PDB file of N, CA and C in Angstrom:
ATOM      1  N   MET A   1      23.510  -3.304 -18.855  1.00  0.00           N
ATOM      2  CA  MET A   1      23.791  -3.277 -17.336  1.00  0.00           C
ATOM      3  C   MET A   1      24.769  -2.406 -16.698  1.00  0.00           C
ATOM      4  N   GLN A   2      24.539  -1.724 -16.059  1.00  0.00           N
ATOM      5  CA  GLN A   2      25.900  -0.857 -15.498  1.00  0.00           C
ATOM      6  C   GLN A   2      26.611  -1.338 -14.721  1.00  0.00           C
ATOM      7  N   PRO A   3      27.957  -1.227 -14.378  1.00  0.00           N
ATOM      8  CA  PRO A   3      28.946  -1.885 -13.603  1.00  0.00           C
ATOM      9  C   PRO A   3      28.406  -1.376 -12.062  1.00  0.00           C
ATOM     10  N   ALA A   4      28.821  -2.421 -11.105  1.00  0.00           N
ATOM     11  CA  ALA A   4      28.470  -2.346  -9.980  1.00  0.00           C
ATOM     12  C   ALA A   4      29.374  -1.220  -9.198  1.00  0.00           C
ATOM     13  N   GLU A   5      28.833  -0.792  -8.113  1.00  0.00           N
ATOM     14  CA  GLU A   5      29.508   0.373  -7.474  1.00  0.00           C
ATOM     15  C   GLU A   5      29.454  -0.208  -5.991  1.00  0.00           C
ATOM     16  N   LYS A   6      30.552   0.033  -5.394  1.00  0.00           N
ATOM     17  CA  LYS A   6      30.819  -0.333  -4.206  1.00  0.00           C
ATOM     18  C   LYS A   6      30.400   0.916  -3.128  1.00  0.00           C
ATOM     19  N   ILE A   7      29.699   0.684  -2.262  1.00  0.00           N
ATOM     20  CA  ILE A   7      29.108   1.697  -1.319  1.00  0.00           C
ATOM     21  C   ILE A   7      29.474   1.241   0.223  1.00  0.00           C
ATOM     22  N   SER A   8      29.592   2.176   1.072  1.00  0.00           N
ATOM     23  CA  SER A   8      29.510   1.789   2.701  1.00  0.00           C
ATOM     24  C   SER A   8      28.224   2.370   2.917  1.00  0.00           C
ATOM     25  N   ILE A   9      27.672   1.286   4.126  1.00  0.00           N
ATOM     26  CA  ILE A   9      26.246   1.875   4.593  1.00  0.00           C
ATOM     27  C   ILE A   9      26.243   1.438   6.110  1.00  0.00           C
ATOM     28  N   THR A  10      25.630   2.091   6.965  1.00  0.00           N
ATOM     29  CA  THR A  10      25.697   1.821   8.529  1.00  0.00           C
ATOM     30  C   THR A  10      24.201   1.500   8.927  1.00  0.00           C
ATOM     31  N   VAL A  11      24.320   0.418   9.557  1.00  0.00           N
ATOM     32  CA  VAL A  11      23.050  -0.256  10.257  1.00  0.00           C
ATOM     33  C   VAL A  11      23.092  -0.526  11.356  1.00  0.00           C
ATOM     34  N   THR A  12      22.071  -0.654  11.945  1.00  0.00           N
ATOM     35  CA  THR A  12      21.853  -1.051  13.648  1.00  0.00           C
ATOM     36  C   THR A  12      22.546  -2.262  13.831  1.00  0.00           C
ATOM     37  N   PRO A  13      22.966  -2.514  14.816  1.00  0.00           N
ATOM     38  CA  PRO A  13      23.543  -3.932  15.238  1.00  0.00           C
ATOM     39  C   PRO A  13      22.482  -4.969  15.128  1.00  0.00           C
ATOM     40  N   GLU A  14      21.054  -4.531  15.458  1.00  0.00           N
ATOM     41  CA  GLU A  14      20.205  -5.474  15.566  1.00  0.00           C
ATOM     42  C   GLU A  14      19.911  -5.846  13.768  1.00  0.00           C
ATOM     43  N   MET A  15      19.884  -4.807  13.008  1.00  0.00           N
ATOM     44  CA  MET A  15      20.024  -5.226  11.383  1.00  0.00           C
ATOM     45  C   MET A  15      21.065  -6.018  11.044  1.00  0.00           C
ATOM     46  N   LEU A  16      22.374  -5.705  11.353  1.00  0.00           N
ATOM     47  CA  LEU A  16      23.321  -6.438  11.164  1.00  0.00           C
ATOM     48  C   LEU A  16      23.188  -7.941  11.751  1.00  0.00           C
ATOM     49  N   ARG A  17      22.759  -8.088  12.922  1.00  0.00           N
ATOM     50  CA  ARG A  17      22.661  -9.312  13.358  1.00  0.00           C
ATOM     51  C   ARG A  17      21.610 -10.185  12.331  1.00  0.00           C
ATOM     52  N   LEU A  18      20.317  -9.663  12.058  1.00  0.00           N
ATOM     53  CA  LEU A  18      19.597 -10.313  10.938  1.00  0.00           C
ATOM     54  C   LEU A  18      20.008 -10.741   9.698  1.00  0.00           C
ATOM     55  N   VAL A  19      21.013  -9.733   9.292  1.00  0.00           N
ATOM     56  CA  VAL A  19      21.434 -10.039   8.013  1.00  0.00           C
ATOM     57  C   VAL A  19      22.423 -11.215   8.102  1.00  0.00           C
ATOM     58  N   ARG A  20      23.435 -11.236   9.024  1.00  0.00           N
ATOM     59  CA  ARG A  20      24.167 -12.386   9.386  1.00  0.00           C
ATOM     60  C   ARG A  20      23.439 -13.569   9.759  1.00  0.00           C
ATOM     61  N   GLU A  21      22.413 -13.602  10.422  1.00  0.00           N
ATOM     62  CA  GLU A  21      21.392 -14.939  10.680  1.00  0.00           C
ATOM     63  C   GLU A  21      20.952 -15.168   9.411  1.00  0.00           C
ATOM     64  N   SER A  22      20.591 -14.535   8.331  1.00  0.00           N
ATOM     65  CA  SER A  22      19.989 -14.782   7.300  1.00  0.00           C
ATOM     66  C   SER A  22      20.914 -15.566   6.251  1.00  0.00           C
ATOM     67  N   ILE A  23      22.135 -15.117   6.404  1.00  0.00           N
ATOM     68  CA  ILE A  23      23.346 -15.761   5.606  1.00  0.00           C
ATOM     69  C   ILE A  23      23.521 -17.088   6.271  1.00  0.00           C
ATOM     70  N   GLU A  24      23.893 -17.167   7.648  1.00  0.00           N
ATOM     71  CA  GLU A  24      24.047 -18.234   7.876  1.00  0.00           C
ATOM     72  C   GLU A  24      22.901 -19.303   7.780  1.00  0.00           C
ATOM     73  N   ALA A  25      21.909 -18.949   7.788  1.00  0.00           N
ATOM     74  CA  ALA A  25      20.689 -20.049   7.452  1.00  0.00           C
ATOM     75  C   ALA A  25      20.753 -20.057   6.079  1.00  0.00           C
ATOM     76  N   GLY A  26      21.477 -19.722   5.289  1.00  0.00           N
ATOM     77  CA  GLY A  26      21.415 -20.122   3.761  1.00  0.00           C
ATOM     78  C   GLY A  26      20.428 -19.546   3.015  1.00  0.00           C
ATOM     79  N   GLU A  27      19.778 -18.484   3.513  1.00  0.00           N
ATOM     80  CA  GLU A  27      18.756 -17.648   2.858  1.00  0.00           C
ATOM     81  C   GLU A  27      19.549 -16.673   1.601  1.00  0.00           C
ATOM     82  N   TYR A  28      20.546 -16.407   1.881  1.00  0.00           N
ATOM     83  CA  TYR A  28      21.429 -15.507   1.159  1.00  0.00           C
ATOM     84  C   TYR A  28      22.880 -15.886   1.171  1.00  0.00           C
ATOM     85  N   ALA A  29      23.663 -15.653   0.106  1.00  0.00           N
ATOM     86  CA  ALA A  29      25.013 -15.882   0.016  1.00  0.00           C
ATOM     87  C   ALA A  29      25.828 -14.905   0.839  1.00  0.00           C
ATOM     88  N   SER A  30      25.571 -13.623   0.591  1.00  0.00           N
ATOM     89  CA  SER A  30      26.366 -12.847   1.076  1.00  0.00           C
ATOM     90  C   SER A  30      25.452 -11.403   1.619  1.00  0.00           C
ATOM     91  N   THR A  31      26.129 -10.613   2.377  1.00  0.00           N
ATOM     92  CA  THR A  31      25.629  -9.341   2.784  1.00  0.00           C
ATOM     93  C   THR A  31      25.078  -8.520   1.476  1.00  0.00           C
ATOM     94  N   SER A  32      25.962  -8.689   0.481  1.00  0.00           N
ATOM     95  CA  SER A  32      25.598  -7.924  -0.886  1.00  0.00           C
ATOM     96  C   SER A  32      24.166  -8.333  -1.330  1.00  0.00           C
ATOM     97  N   GLU A  33      24.079  -9.404  -1.328  1.00  0.00           N
ATOM     98  CA  GLU A  33      22.905 -10.240  -1.818  1.00  0.00           C
ATOM     99  C   GLU A  33      21.554  -9.791  -1.014  1.00  0.00           C
ATOM    100  N   VAL A  34      21.941  -9.720   0.090  1.00  0.00           N
ATOM    101  CA  VAL A  34      20.668  -9.064   0.990  1.00  0.00           C
ATOM    102  C   VAL A  34      20.417  -7.753   0.856  1.00  0.00           C
ATOM    103  N   ILE A  35      21.353  -6.936   0.589  1.00  0.00           N
ATOM    104  CA  ILE A  35      21.204  -5.564   0.286  1.00  0.00           C
ATOM    105  C   ILE A  35      20.492  -5.490  -1.113  1.00  0.00           C
ATOM    106  N   ARG A  36      20.937  -5.942  -2.184  1.00  0.00           N
ATOM    107  CA  ARG A  36      20.247  -5.999  -3.430  1.00  0.00           C
ATOM    108  C   ARG A  36      19.041  -6.397  -3.554  1.00  0.00           C
ATOM    109  N   ASP A  37      18.626  -7.493  -2.641  1.00  0.00           N
ATOM    110  CA  ASP A  37      17.256  -7.959  -2.400  1.00  0.00           C
ATOM    111  C   ASP A  37      16.314  -6.793  -1.962  1.00  0.00           C
ATOM    112  N   ALA A  38      16.779  -6.119  -0.839  1.00  0.00           N
ATOM    113  CA  ALA A  38      16.029  -5.336  -0.261  1.00  0.00           C
ATOM    114  C   ALA A  38      16.028  -3.850  -0.755  1.00  0.00           C
ATOM    115  N   MET A  39      17.032  -3.731  -2.017  1.00  0.00           N
ATOM    116  CA  MET A  39      16.711  -2.590  -2.859  1.00  0.00           C
ATOM    117  C   MET A  39      15.642  -2.824  -3.857  1.00  0.00           C
ATOM    118  N   ARG A  40      15.615  -4.114  -4.179  1.00  0.00           N
ATOM    119  CA  ARG A  40      14.659  -4.413  -4.929  1.00  0.00           C
ATOM    120  C   ARG A  40      13.425  -4.238  -4.765  1.00  0.00           C
ATOM    121  N   LEU A  41      13.061  -4.769  -3.420  1.00  0.00           N
ATOM    122  CA  LEU A  41      11.818  -4.631  -2.717  1.00  0.00           C
ATOM    123  C   LEU A  41      11.648  -3.181  -2.757  1.00  0.00           C
ATOM    124  N   TRP A  42      12.302  -2.515  -2.084  1.00  0.00           N
ATOM    125  CA  TRP A  42      12.110  -0.674  -2.063  1.00  0.00           C
ATOM    126  C   TRP A  42      11.672  -0.250  -3.399  1.00  0.00           C
ATOM    127  N   GLN A  43      12.406  -0.852  -4.315  1.00  0.00           N
ATOM    128  CA  GLN A  43      12.033  -0.232  -5.573  1.00  0.00           C
ATOM    129  C   GLN A  43      10.839  -0.540  -5.844  1.00  0.00           C
ATOM    130  N   ARG A  44      10.322  -2.058  -5.764  1.00  0.00           N
ATOM    131  CA  ARG A  44       9.024  -2.377  -6.127  1.00  0.00           C
ATOM    132  C   ARG A  44       8.023  -1.550  -5.243  1.00  0.00           C
ATOM    133  N   ARG A  45       8.245  -1.222  -4.196  1.00  0.00           N
ATOM    134  CA  ARG A  45       7.253  -0.573  -3.016  1.00  0.00           C
ATOM    135  C   ARG A  45       7.130   0.876  -3.674  1.00  0.00           C
ATOM    136  N   ARG A  46       8.210   1.273  -4.218  1.00  0.00           N
ATOM    137  CA  ARG A  46       8.106   2.724  -4.737  1.00  0.00           C
ATOM    138  C   ARG A  46       7.267   2.853  -5.854  1.00  0.00           C
ATOM    139  N   GLU A  47       7.358   1.724  -6.846  1.00  0.00           N
ATOM    140  CA  GLU A  47       6.795   1.423  -8.047  1.00  0.00           C
ATOM    141  C   GLU A  47       5.326   1.505  -7.666  1.00  0.00           C
ATOM    142  N   GLU A  48       4.923   0.787  -6.873  1.00  0.00           N
ATOM    143  CA  GLU A  48       3.645   0.350  -6.421  1.00  0.00           C
ATOM    144  C   GLU A  48       2.970   1.443  -5.842  1.00  0.00           C
ATOM    145  N   HIS A  49       3.675   2.323  -5.027  1.00  0.00           N
ATOM    146  CA  HIS A  49       3.089   3.529  -4.329  1.00  0.00           C
ATOM    147  C   HIS A  49       2.894   4.516  -5.508  1.00  0.00           C
ATOM    148  N   ALA A  50       3.734   4.705  -6.570  1.00  0.00           N
ATOM    149  CA  ALA A  50       3.528   5.648  -7.633  1.00  0.00           C
ATOM    150  C   ALA A  50       2.358   5.278  -8.580  1.00  0.00           C
ATOM    151  N   GLU A  51       2.248   3.985  -8.672  1.00  0.00           N
ATOM    152  CA  GLU A  51       0.925   3.474  -9.374  1.00  0.00           C
ATOM    153  C   GLU A  51      -0.345   3.841  -8.528  1.00  0.00           C
ATOM    154  N   ALA A  52      -0.436   3.539  -7.301  1.00  0.00           N
ATOM    155  CA  ALA A  52      -1.467   4.140  -6.346  1.00  0.00           C
ATOM    156  C   ALA A  52      -1.768   5.486  -6.508  1.00  0.00           C
ATOM    157  N   ILE A  53      -0.810   6.325  -6.359  1.00  0.00           N
ATOM    158  CA  ILE A  53      -0.977   7.570  -6.320  1.00  0.00           C
ATOM    159  C   ILE A  53      -1.473   7.932  -8.163  1.00  0.00           C
ATOM    160  N   LYS A  54      -0.883   7.318  -8.976  1.00  0.00           N
ATOM    161  CA  LYS A  54      -1.611   7.490 -10.159  1.00  0.00           C
ATOM    162  C   LYS A  54      -3.120   7.385 -10.448  1.00  0.00           C
ATOM    163  N   SER A  55      -3.429   6.327  -9.860  1.00  0.00           N
ATOM    164  CA  SER A  55      -4.748   5.671  -9.958  1.00  0.00           C
ATOM    165  C   SER A  55      -5.677   6.580  -9.041  1.00  0.00           C
ATOM    166  N   ILE A  56      -5.278   7.046  -7.818  1.00  0.00           N
ATOM    167  CA  ILE A  56      -6.098   8.066  -7.374  1.00  0.00           C
ATOM    168  C   ILE A  56      -6.304   9.439  -7.823  1.00  0.00           C
ATOM    169  N   LYS A  57      -5.148   9.862  -8.203  1.00  0.00           N
ATOM    170  CA  LYS A  57      -5.297  11.034  -9.508  1.00  0.00           C
ATOM    171  C   LYS A  57      -6.385  10.827 -10.342  1.00  0.00           C
ATOM    172  N   ALA A  58      -6.061   9.570 -10.998  1.00  0.00           N
ATOM    173  CA  ALA A  58      -7.259   9.506 -12.221  1.00  0.00           C
ATOM    174  C   ALA A  58      -8.621   9.534 -11.544  1.00  0.00           C
ATOM    175  N   ARG A  59      -8.924   8.870 -10.446  1.00  0.00           N
ATOM    176  CA  ARG A  59     -10.293   8.758  -9.742  1.00  0.00           C
ATOM    177  C   ARG A  59     -10.554  10.266  -9.618  1.00  0.00           C
ATOM    178  N   ILE A  60      -9.581  10.930  -8.779  1.00  0.00           N
ATOM    179  CA  ILE A  60     -10.125  12.316  -8.667  1.00  0.00           C
ATOM    180  C   ILE A  60     -10.602  13.281  -9.886  1.00  0.00           C
ATOM    181  N   ARG A  61      -9.631  12.991 -10.865  1.00  0.00           N
ATOM    182  CA  ARG A  61      -9.887  13.722 -12.223  1.00  0.00           C
ATOM    183  C   ARG A  61     -11.308  13.391 -12.749  1.00  0.00           C
ATOM    184  N   ARG A  62     -11.581  11.910 -12.725  1.00  0.00           N
ATOM    185  CA  ARG A  62     -13.005  11.558 -13.374  1.00  0.00           C
ATOM    186  C   ARG A  62     -13.910  12.016 -12.067  1.00  0.00           C
ATOM    187  N   SER A  63     -13.983  12.311 -10.990  1.00  0.00           N
ATOM    188  CA  SER A  63     -14.731  12.881 -10.314  1.00  0.00           C
ATOM    189  C   SER A  63     -15.024  14.493 -10.627  1.00  0.00           C
ATOM    190  N   LEU A  64     -13.922  15.173 -10.606  1.00  0.00           N
ATOM    191  CA  LEU A  64     -14.279  16.474 -10.896  1.00  0.00           C
ATOM    192  C   LEU A  64     -14.549  16.712 -12.281  1.00  0.00           C
ATOM    193  N   ASP A  65     -14.360  15.635 -13.160  1.00  0.00           N
ATOM    194  CA  ASP A  65     -15.044  16.135 -14.546  1.00  0.00           C
ATOM    195  C   ASP A  65     -16.360  15.455 -14.738  1.00  0.00           C
ATOM    196  N   ASP A  66     -16.893  14.798 -13.732  1.00  0.00           N
ATOM    197  CA  ASP A  66     -18.305  14.181 -13.742  1.00  0.00           C
ATOM    198  C   ASP A  66     -19.466  15.170 -13.945  1.00  0.00           C
ATOM    199  N   PRO A  67     -20.013  15.318 -15.082  1.00  0.00           N
ATOM    200  CA  PRO A  67     -21.013  16.219 -15.353  1.00  0.00           C
ATOM    201  C   PRO A  67     -22.255  16.319 -14.550  1.00  0.00           C
ATOM    202  N   ARG A  68     -22.446  15.149 -13.841  1.00  0.00           N
ATOM    203  CA  ARG A  68     -23.647  15.240 -12.735  1.00  0.00           C
ATOM    204  C   ARG A  68     -23.606  16.140 -11.816  1.00  0.00           C
ATOM    205  N   PRO A  69     -24.573  16.466 -11.390  1.00  0.00           N
ATOM    206  CA  PRO A  69     -24.844  17.580 -10.084  1.00  0.00           C
ATOM    207  C   PRO A  69     -24.319  17.123  -8.998  1.00  0.00           C
ATOM    208  N   ASP A  70     -23.719  18.068  -8.210  1.00  0.00           N
ATOM    209  CA  ASP A  70     -23.326  17.842  -6.821  1.00  0.00           C
ATOM    210  C   ASP A  70     -24.544  17.123  -5.989  1.00  0.00           C
ATOM    211  N   VAL A  71     -24.114  16.497  -4.798  1.00  0.00           N
ATOM    212  CA  VAL A  71     -25.020  15.926  -3.852  1.00  0.00           C
ATOM    213  C   VAL A  71     -24.745  16.826  -2.733  1.00  0.00           C
ATOM    214  N   SER A  72     -25.732  17.169  -2.108  1.00  0.00           N
ATOM    215  CA  SER A  72     -25.499  18.171  -0.933  1.00  0.00           C
ATOM    216  C   SER A  72     -25.282  17.201   0.203  1.00  0.00           C
ATOM    217  N   SER A  73     -24.822  17.634   1.232  1.00  0.00           N
ATOM    218  CA  SER A  73     -24.661  16.907   2.433  1.00  0.00           C
ATOM    219  C   SER A  73     -25.792  16.138   3.123  1.00  0.00           C
ATOM    220  N   GLU A  74     -26.819  17.150   2.936  1.00  0.00           N
ATOM    221  CA  GLU A  74     -28.203  16.621   3.747  1.00  0.00           C
ATOM    222  C   GLU A  74     -28.713  15.215   2.618  1.00  0.00           C
ATOM    223  N   GLU A  75     -28.482  15.433   1.351  1.00  0.00           N
ATOM    224  CA  GLU A  75     -28.866  14.285   0.653  1.00  0.00           C
ATOM    225  C   GLU A  75     -28.040  12.949   0.903  1.00  0.00           C
ATOM    226  N   VAL A  76     -26.707  13.320   1.149  1.00  0.00           N
ATOM    227  CA  VAL A  76     -25.997  12.151   1.703  1.00  0.00           C
ATOM    228  C   VAL A  76     -26.366  11.452   2.774  1.00  0.00           C
ATOM    229  N   ASP A  77     -26.433  12.234   3.814  1.00  0.00           N
ATOM    230  CA  ASP A  77     -27.090  11.986   5.012  1.00  0.00           C
ATOM    231  C   ASP A  77     -28.252  11.295   4.931  1.00  0.00           C
ATOM    232  N   ALA A  78     -29.463  11.653   4.125  1.00  0.00           N
ATOM    233  CA  ALA A  78     -30.471  10.866   4.091  1.00  0.00           C
ATOM    234  C   ALA A  78     -30.606   9.608   3.417  1.00  0.00           C
ATOM    235  N   HIS A  79     -29.489   9.680   2.385  1.00  0.00           N
ATOM    236  CA  HIS A  79     -29.336   8.163   1.872  1.00  0.00           C
ATOM    237  C   HIS A  79     -28.747   7.225   2.790  1.00  0.00           C
ATOM    238  N   MET A  80     -27.728   7.806   3.626  1.00  0.00           N
ATOM    239  CA  MET A  80     -27.018   6.994   4.522  1.00  0.00           C
ATOM    240  C   MET A  80     -27.897   6.541   5.473  1.00  0.00           C
ATOM    241  N   GLN A  81     -28.846   7.161   6.136  1.00  0.00           N
ATOM    242  CA  GLN A  81     -30.103   6.929   7.137  1.00  0.00           C
ATOM    243  C   GLN A  81     -30.713   5.721   6.563  1.00  0.00           C
ATOM    244  N   GLU A  82     -31.139   5.952   5.295  1.00  0.00           N
ATOM    245  CA  GLU A  82     -31.891   5.087   4.658  1.00  0.00           C
ATOM    246  C   GLU A  82     -31.131   3.484   4.456  1.00  0.00           C
ATOM    247  N   PHE A  83     -29.854   3.837   4.081  1.00  0.00           N
ATOM    248  CA  PHE A  83     -29.083   2.565   3.934  1.00  0.00           C
ATOM    249  C   PHE A  83     -28.867   1.884   5.130  1.00  0.00           C
ATOM    250  N   MET A  84     -28.558   2.595   6.287  1.00  0.00           N
ATOM    251  CA  MET A  84     -28.252   1.692   7.509  1.00  0.00           C
ATOM    252  C   MET A  84     -29.643   1.374   8.265  1.00  0.00           C
ATOM    253  N   ALA A  85     -30.803   1.866   7.755  1.00  0.00           N
ATOM    254  CA  ALA A  85     -32.022   1.340   8.280  1.00  0.00           C
ATOM    255  C   ALA A  85     -32.384   0.148   7.527  1.00  0.00           C
ATOM    256  N   ARG A  86     -31.909  -0.054   6.236  1.00  0.00           N
ATOM    257  CA  ARG A  86     -32.189  -1.381   5.582  1.00  0.00           C
ATOM    258  C   ARG A  86     -30.902  -2.356   5.872  1.00  0.00           C
ATOM    259  N   VAL A  87     -29.689  -1.977   6.366  1.00  0.00           N
ATOM    260  CA  VAL A  87     -28.958  -2.898   6.750  1.00  0.00           C
ATOM    261  C   VAL A  87     -29.464  -3.533   8.211  1.00  0.00           C
ATOM    262  N   ASN A  88     -29.735  -2.738   8.974  1.00  0.00           N
ATOM    263  CA  ASN A  88     -30.171  -2.963  10.312  1.00  0.00           C
ATOM    264  C   ASN A  88     -31.486  -3.913  10.390  1.00  0.00           C
ATOM    265  N   GLU A  89     -32.550  -3.683   9.413  1.00  0.00           N
ATOM    266  CA  GLU A  89     -33.692  -4.418   8.989  1.00  0.00           C
ATOM    267  C   GLU A  89     -33.139  -5.860   8.754  1.00  0.00           C
ATOM    268  N   GLU A  90     -32.270  -5.837   7.869  1.00  0.00           N
ATOM    269  CA  GLU A  90     -31.698  -7.219   7.168  1.00  0.00           C
ATOM    270  C   GLU A  90     -31.189  -7.951   8.349  1.00  0.00           C
ATOM    271  N   PHE A  91     -30.535  -7.371   9.244  1.00  0.00           N
ATOM    272  CA  PHE A  91     -29.855  -7.937  10.330  1.00  0.00           C
ATOM    273  C   PHE A  91     -30.507  -8.592  11.228  1.00  0.00           C
ATOM    274  N   ARG A  92     -31.542  -7.733  11.379  1.00  0.00           N
ATOM    275  CA  ARG A  92     -32.969  -8.278  12.481  1.00  0.00           C
ATOM    276  C   ARG A  92     -33.576  -9.599  11.875  1.00  0.00           C
ATOM    277  N   ASN A  93     -33.747  -9.591  10.656  1.00  0.00           N
ATOM    278  CA  ASN A  93     -34.090 -10.570   9.750  1.00  0.00           C
ATOM    279  C   ASN A  93     -33.369 -11.849   9.809  1.00  0.00           C
ATOM    280  N   VAL A  94     -31.946 -11.551   9.663  1.00  0.00           N
ATOM    281  CA  VAL A  94     -31.212 -12.481   9.897  1.00  0.00           C
ATOM    282  C   VAL A  94     -30.815 -13.303  11.202  1.00  0.00           C
ATOM    283  N   SER A  95     -30.777 -12.580  12.200  1.00  0.00           N
ATOM    284  CA  SER A  95     -30.812 -12.883  13.557  1.00  0.00           C
ATOM    285  C   SER A  95     -31.947 -13.667  13.953  1.00  0.00           C
ATOM    286  N   SER A  96     -33.072 -13.529  13.363  1.00  0.00           N
ATOM    287  CA  SER A  96     -34.410 -13.927  14.216  1.00  0.00           C
ATOM    288  C   SER A  96     -34.381 -15.305  13.578  1.00  0.00           C
TER     289      SER A  96
END
């Protein structure tokens, strides 16, 4: 574990009020604890974002590498029209 380093940050009065209220409520023992928790959450969000991007890139790569032939916009439109007709028909059957 690396040694801690002291830094100085500037926050809005509203943020400072929230930090102090959180400490007074006993949620945190100190301002430093609040900031460390915020940093952990920020780091986790960055990691989750990186994983999401990695997953999206993998899906795109699989799609680009898919050997099946492309589908024309006309075919997609026809399939969507058929799908919506089935959904509407099922909705009518359920509603009656």
